[in-house]
Amino acid sequence: MAALDLFGRRWTLRILWELRGQTLGFRPLQQQCDGMSSSVLQQRLTELQEAQLVERDAEDGYRLTALGKEACDELRGLHRWSERWATALDRMPPGGSGPKP
């Protein structure tokens, strides 16, 4: 339940997603996250660091820890499912419950 609580907080998944393959400084990460407020970004980064999913490097960049990378690997399954779900929804006629002809 603790993981669901953490991942359910606004912007948390987006931050993990943006850090999945790179180290980013605060401002570049903020830009990648569509300019979210600096206070919210700082709060989420603090929470993710306390959860040992994100760490700061020597150049003050943020990167995923080994646990953070594992979390992103697990979330890829949810990402694949969401793509299938979006495709299924696209096949439905507006206001209907069955697939489009």
N, C-alpha and C. Protein backbone atom coordinates (compact mmCIF):
# COMPACT_ATOMS: atom_id res chain seq x y z
N MET A 1 0.83 -1.20 0.00
CA MET A 1 0.00 0.00 0.00
C MET A 1 0.87 1.25 0.00
N ALA A 2 2.03 1.19 0.64
CA ALA A 2 2.91 2.36 0.69
C ALA A 2 3.38 2.74 -0.71
N ALA A 3 3.69 1.74 -1.53
CA ALA A 3 4.12 2.02 -2.89
C ALA A 3 3.00 2.65 -3.70
N LEU A 4 1.78 2.14 -3.55
CA LEU A 4 0.65 2.72 -4.27
C LEU A 4 0.39 4.15 -3.83
N ASP A 5 0.56 4.40 -2.54
CA ASP A 5 0.41 5.77 -2.04
C ASP A 5 1.46 6.69 -2.67
N LEU A 6 2.70 6.25 -2.69
CA LEU A 6 3.77 7.07 -3.26
C LEU A 6 3.55 7.29 -4.76
N PHE A 7 3.29 6.21 -5.49
CA PHE A 7 3.12 6.32 -6.94
C PHE A 7 1.86 7.07 -7.32
N GLY A 8 0.89 7.11 -6.43
CA GLY A 8 -0.36 7.81 -6.71
C GLY A 8 -0.28 9.32 -6.52
N ARG A 9 0.80 9.80 -5.96
CA ARG A 9 0.93 11.25 -5.76
C ARG A 9 1.21 11.93 -7.09
N ARG A 10 0.58 13.07 -7.26
CA ARG A 10 0.71 13.80 -8.52
C ARG A 10 2.17 14.04 -8.86
N TRP A 11 2.52 13.75 -10.10
CA TRP A 11 3.83 13.96 -10.70
C TRP A 11 4.85 12.88 -10.37
N THR A 12 4.60 12.02 -9.40
CA THR A 12 5.61 11.03 -9.01
C THR A 12 5.98 10.13 -10.17
N LEU A 13 4.98 9.54 -10.83
CA LEU A 13 5.28 8.64 -11.95
C LEU A 13 5.96 9.37 -13.09
N ARG A 14 5.57 10.62 -13.32
CA ARG A 14 6.20 11.39 -14.40
C ARG A 14 7.68 11.62 -14.11
N ILE A 15 8.01 11.92 -12.87
CA ILE A 15 9.41 12.13 -12.50
C ILE A 15 10.20 10.84 -12.72
N LEU A 16 9.68 9.72 -12.25
CA LEU A 16 10.37 8.45 -12.46
C LEU A 16 10.54 8.16 -13.95
N TRP A 17 9.50 8.43 -14.72
CA TRP A 17 9.54 8.19 -16.17
C TRP A 17 10.63 9.04 -16.83
N GLU A 18 10.72 10.29 -16.46
CA GLU A 18 11.71 11.18 -17.07
C GLU A 18 13.14 10.81 -16.67
N LEU A 19 13.30 10.20 -15.51
CA LEU A 19 14.64 9.81 -15.04
C LEU A 19 15.01 8.39 -15.45
N ARG A 20 14.12 7.69 -16.14
CA ARG A 20 14.33 6.27 -16.40
C ARG A 20 15.60 5.98 -17.19
N GLY A 21 16.08 6.87 -18.01
CA GLY A 21 17.27 6.58 -18.79
C GLY A 21 18.34 7.65 -18.72
N GLN A 22 18.18 8.58 -17.80
CA GLN A 22 19.14 9.68 -17.77
C GLN A 22 19.17 10.35 -16.40
N THR A 23 20.26 11.06 -16.16
CA THR A 23 20.40 11.91 -14.98
C THR A 23 20.04 13.32 -15.40
N LEU A 24 19.23 14.00 -14.62
CA LEU A 24 18.81 15.36 -14.94
C LEU A 24 18.99 16.26 -13.74
N GLY A 25 19.40 17.49 -14.00
CA GLY A 25 19.42 18.50 -12.96
C GLY A 25 18.00 18.97 -12.68
N PHE A 26 17.86 19.79 -11.65
CA PHE A 26 16.54 20.22 -11.22
C PHE A 26 15.79 20.94 -12.34
N ARG A 27 16.39 21.97 -12.94
CA ARG A 27 15.70 22.75 -13.98
C ARG A 27 15.37 21.91 -15.22
N PRO A 28 16.33 21.13 -15.75
CA PRO A 28 15.96 20.28 -16.89
C PRO A 28 14.85 19.29 -16.57
N LEU A 29 14.86 18.74 -15.35
CA LEU A 29 13.79 17.83 -14.96
C LEU A 29 12.46 18.57 -14.90
N GLN A 30 12.48 19.76 -14.37
CA GLN A 30 11.27 20.57 -14.29
C GLN A 30 10.73 20.85 -15.70
N GLN A 31 11.62 21.14 -16.64
CA GLN A 31 11.19 21.39 -18.03
C GLN A 31 10.63 20.13 -18.66
N GLN A 32 11.26 18.98 -18.40
CA GLN A 32 10.75 17.71 -18.94
C GLN A 32 9.36 17.40 -18.40
N CYS A 33 9.08 17.88 -17.21
CA CYS A 33 7.77 17.64 -16.57
C CYS A 33 6.82 18.80 -16.84
N ASP A 34 6.93 19.38 -18.00
CA ASP A 34 6.02 20.44 -18.45
C ASP A 34 5.98 21.63 -17.49
N GLY A 35 7.12 21.94 -16.89
CA GLY A 35 7.21 23.13 -16.05
C GLY A 35 6.41 23.07 -14.77
N MET A 36 6.33 21.90 -14.14
CA MET A 36 5.62 21.82 -12.85
C MET A 36 6.26 22.79 -11.88
N SER A 37 5.55 23.19 -10.88
CA SER A 37 6.07 24.17 -9.94
C SER A 37 7.30 23.62 -9.23
N SER A 38 8.24 24.50 -8.93
CA SER A 38 9.47 24.07 -8.28
C SER A 38 9.21 23.52 -6.88
N SER A 39 8.21 24.05 -6.20
CA SER A 39 7.93 23.54 -4.85
C SER A 39 7.40 22.11 -4.88
N VAL A 40 6.55 21.81 -5.85
CA VAL A 40 6.02 20.44 -5.97
C VAL A 40 7.14 19.50 -6.40
N LEU A 41 7.96 19.92 -7.35
CA LEU A 41 9.06 19.07 -7.79
C LEU A 41 10.00 18.78 -6.62
N GLN A 42 10.34 19.80 -5.85
CA GLN A 42 11.23 19.60 -4.72
C GLN A 42 10.62 18.64 -3.71
N GLN A 43 9.34 18.78 -3.45
CA GLN A 43 8.66 17.88 -2.51
C GLN A 43 8.69 16.45 -3.01
N ARG A 44 8.37 16.23 -4.28
CA ARG A 44 8.35 14.88 -4.82
C ARG A 44 9.76 14.27 -4.84
N LEU A 45 10.76 15.07 -5.20
CA LEU A 45 12.12 14.56 -5.21
C LEU A 45 12.56 14.16 -3.80
N THR A 46 12.18 14.95 -2.82
CA THR A 46 12.50 14.61 -1.43
C THR A 46 11.84 13.29 -1.04
N GLU A 47 10.57 13.13 -1.39
CA GLU A 47 9.86 11.89 -1.09
C GLU A 47 10.51 10.69 -1.78
N LEU A 48 10.89 10.88 -3.03
CA LEU A 48 11.51 9.78 -3.79
C LEU A 48 12.90 9.45 -3.26
N GLN A 49 13.62 10.46 -2.78
CA GLN A 49 14.92 10.19 -2.17
C GLN A 49 14.75 9.44 -0.84
N GLU A 50 13.77 9.85 -0.05
CA GLU A 50 13.51 9.17 1.22
C GLU A 50 13.08 7.72 0.99
N ALA A 51 12.39 7.48 -0.13
CA ALA A 51 11.96 6.12 -0.49
C ALA A 51 13.07 5.32 -1.17
N GLN A 52 14.23 5.95 -1.35
CA GLN A 52 15.41 5.34 -1.97
C GLN A 52 15.19 4.93 -3.42
N LEU A 53 14.35 5.71 -4.12
CA LEU A 53 14.13 5.46 -5.54
C LEU A 53 14.92 6.43 -6.41
N VAL A 54 15.27 7.58 -5.85
CA VAL A 54 16.03 8.62 -6.57
C VAL A 54 17.17 9.06 -5.67
N GLU A 55 18.29 9.41 -6.31
CA GLU A 55 19.44 9.94 -5.58
C GLU A 55 20.04 11.10 -6.36
N ARG A 56 20.83 11.91 -5.67
CA ARG A 56 21.55 13.01 -6.31
C ARG A 56 22.97 12.55 -6.58
N ASP A 57 23.50 12.96 -7.72
CA ASP A 57 24.89 12.62 -8.01
C ASP A 57 25.81 13.77 -7.60
N ALA A 58 27.08 13.63 -7.86
CA ALA A 58 28.06 14.63 -7.43
C ALA A 58 27.86 15.98 -8.11
N GLU A 59 27.24 16.00 -9.28
CA GLU A 59 27.00 17.25 -10.01
C GLU A 59 25.61 17.82 -9.74
N ASP A 60 24.94 17.36 -8.69
CA ASP A 60 23.60 17.80 -8.32
C ASP A 60 22.53 17.42 -9.32
N GLY A 61 22.77 16.35 -10.05
CA GLY A 61 21.74 15.80 -10.92
C GLY A 61 20.96 14.74 -10.16
N TYR A 62 19.79 14.43 -10.66
CA TYR A 62 18.95 13.40 -10.06
C TYR A 62 18.93 12.20 -10.98
N ARG A 63 19.02 11.03 -10.36
CA ARG A 63 19.00 9.78 -11.13
C ARG A 63 18.30 8.70 -10.31
N LEU A 64 17.88 7.67 -11.00
CA LEU A 64 17.24 6.55 -10.33
C LEU A 64 18.28 5.71 -9.60
N THR A 65 17.91 5.21 -8.46
CA THR A 65 18.72 4.22 -7.76
C THR A 65 18.43 2.85 -8.38
N ALA A 66 19.09 1.83 -7.89
CA ALA A 66 18.79 0.47 -8.36
C ALA A 66 17.32 0.13 -8.09
N LEU A 67 16.82 0.52 -6.91
CA LEU A 67 15.40 0.28 -6.60
C LEU A 67 14.49 1.08 -7.53
N GLY A 68 14.88 2.29 -7.85
CA GLY A 68 14.10 3.12 -8.76
C GLY A 68 14.04 2.52 -10.16
N LYS A 69 15.16 1.96 -10.60
CA LYS A 69 15.20 1.30 -11.91
C LYS A 69 14.30 0.07 -11.92
N GLU A 70 14.33 -0.68 -10.81
CA GLU A 70 13.44 -1.84 -10.70
C GLU A 70 11.98 -1.42 -10.74
N ALA A 71 11.66 -0.33 -10.06
CA ALA A 71 10.27 0.16 -10.07
C ALA A 71 9.86 0.53 -11.49
N CYS A 72 10.74 1.21 -12.22
CA CYS A 72 10.41 1.58 -13.61
C CYS A 72 10.25 0.34 -14.48
N ASP A 73 11.07 -0.67 -14.25
CA ASP A 73 10.92 -1.92 -15.02
C ASP A 73 9.55 -2.53 -14.77
N GLU A 74 9.11 -2.52 -13.53
CA GLU A 74 7.79 -3.06 -13.20
C GLU A 74 6.67 -2.20 -13.79
N LEU A 75 6.87 -0.90 -13.82
CA LEU A 75 5.85 0.01 -14.35
C LEU A 75 5.71 -0.09 -15.87
N ARG A 76 6.73 -0.63 -16.54
CA ARG A 76 6.63 -0.80 -18.00
C ARG A 76 5.47 -1.73 -18.37
N GLY A 77 5.19 -2.71 -17.54
CA GLY A 77 4.04 -3.59 -17.78
C GLY A 77 2.74 -2.81 -17.74
N LEU A 78 2.63 -1.91 -16.80
CA LEU A 78 1.44 -1.06 -16.71
C LEU A 78 1.37 -0.14 -17.93
N HIS A 79 2.51 0.33 -18.40
CA HIS A 79 2.55 1.17 -19.59
C HIS A 79 2.06 0.39 -20.82
N ARG A 80 2.52 -0.84 -20.97
CA ARG A 80 2.07 -1.66 -22.10
C ARG A 80 0.57 -1.92 -22.02
N TRP A 81 0.08 -2.22 -20.81
CA TRP A 81 -1.35 -2.42 -20.64
C TRP A 81 -2.13 -1.16 -20.99
N SER A 82 -1.65 0.01 -20.58
CA SER A 82 -2.37 1.25 -20.85
C SER A 82 -2.45 1.53 -22.35
N GLU A 83 -1.43 1.12 -23.11
CA GLU A 83 -1.49 1.28 -24.56
C GLU A 83 -2.56 0.38 -25.16
N ARG A 84 -2.67 -0.86 -24.67
CA ARG A 84 -3.73 -1.77 -25.15
C ARG A 84 -5.10 -1.22 -24.77
N TRP A 85 -5.21 -0.69 -23.58
CA TRP A 85 -6.47 -0.11 -23.11
C TRP A 85 -6.88 1.06 -23.99
N ALA A 86 -5.93 1.95 -24.30
CA ALA A 86 -6.22 3.11 -25.15
C ALA A 86 -6.69 2.66 -26.53
N THR A 87 -6.06 1.63 -27.06
CA THR A 87 -6.46 1.09 -28.37
C THR A 87 -7.88 0.54 -28.30
N ALA A 88 -8.20 -0.18 -27.23
CA ALA A 88 -9.56 -0.72 -27.08
C ALA A 88 -10.58 0.40 -26.97
N LEU A 89 -10.24 1.44 -26.23
CA LEU A 89 -11.17 2.58 -26.10
C LEU A 89 -11.36 3.29 -27.43
N ASP A 90 -10.29 3.38 -28.23
CA ASP A 90 -10.39 4.03 -29.53
C ASP A 90 -11.32 3.28 -30.48
N ARG A 91 -11.45 1.98 -30.28
CA ARG A 91 -12.31 1.16 -31.15
C ARG A 91 -13.79 1.28 -30.80
N MET A 92 -14.07 1.82 -29.61
CA MET A 92 -15.46 1.93 -29.18
C MET A 92 -16.14 3.13 -29.84
N PRO A 93 -17.39 2.96 -30.29
CA PRO A 93 -18.10 4.11 -30.84
C PRO A 93 -18.43 5.09 -29.71
N PRO A 94 -18.56 6.37 -30.07
CA PRO A 94 -18.91 7.36 -29.03
C PRO A 94 -20.23 6.99 -28.36
N GLY A 95 -20.19 6.96 -27.03
CA GLY A 95 -21.40 6.66 -26.25
C GLY A 95 -21.82 5.22 -26.28
N GLY A 96 -21.07 4.36 -26.97
CA GLY A 96 -21.45 2.96 -27.05
C GLY A 96 -20.59 2.09 -26.17
N SER A 97 -20.99 0.82 -26.10
CA SER A 97 -20.24 -0.09 -25.25
C SER A 97 -19.56 -1.20 -26.06
N GLY A 98 -19.77 -1.19 -27.37
CA GLY A 98 -19.15 -2.22 -28.20
C GLY A 98 -18.10 -1.62 -29.11
N PRO A 99 -17.35 -2.49 -29.77
CA PRO A 99 -16.30 -2.00 -30.68
C PRO A 99 -16.89 -1.30 -31.90
N LYS A 100 -16.09 -0.40 -32.46
CA LYS A 100 -16.51 0.26 -33.70
C LYS A 100 -16.52 -0.76 -34.82
N PRO A 101 -17.44 -0.60 -35.77
CA PRO A 101 -17.49 -1.57 -36.90
C PRO A 101 -16.29 -1.43 -37.80
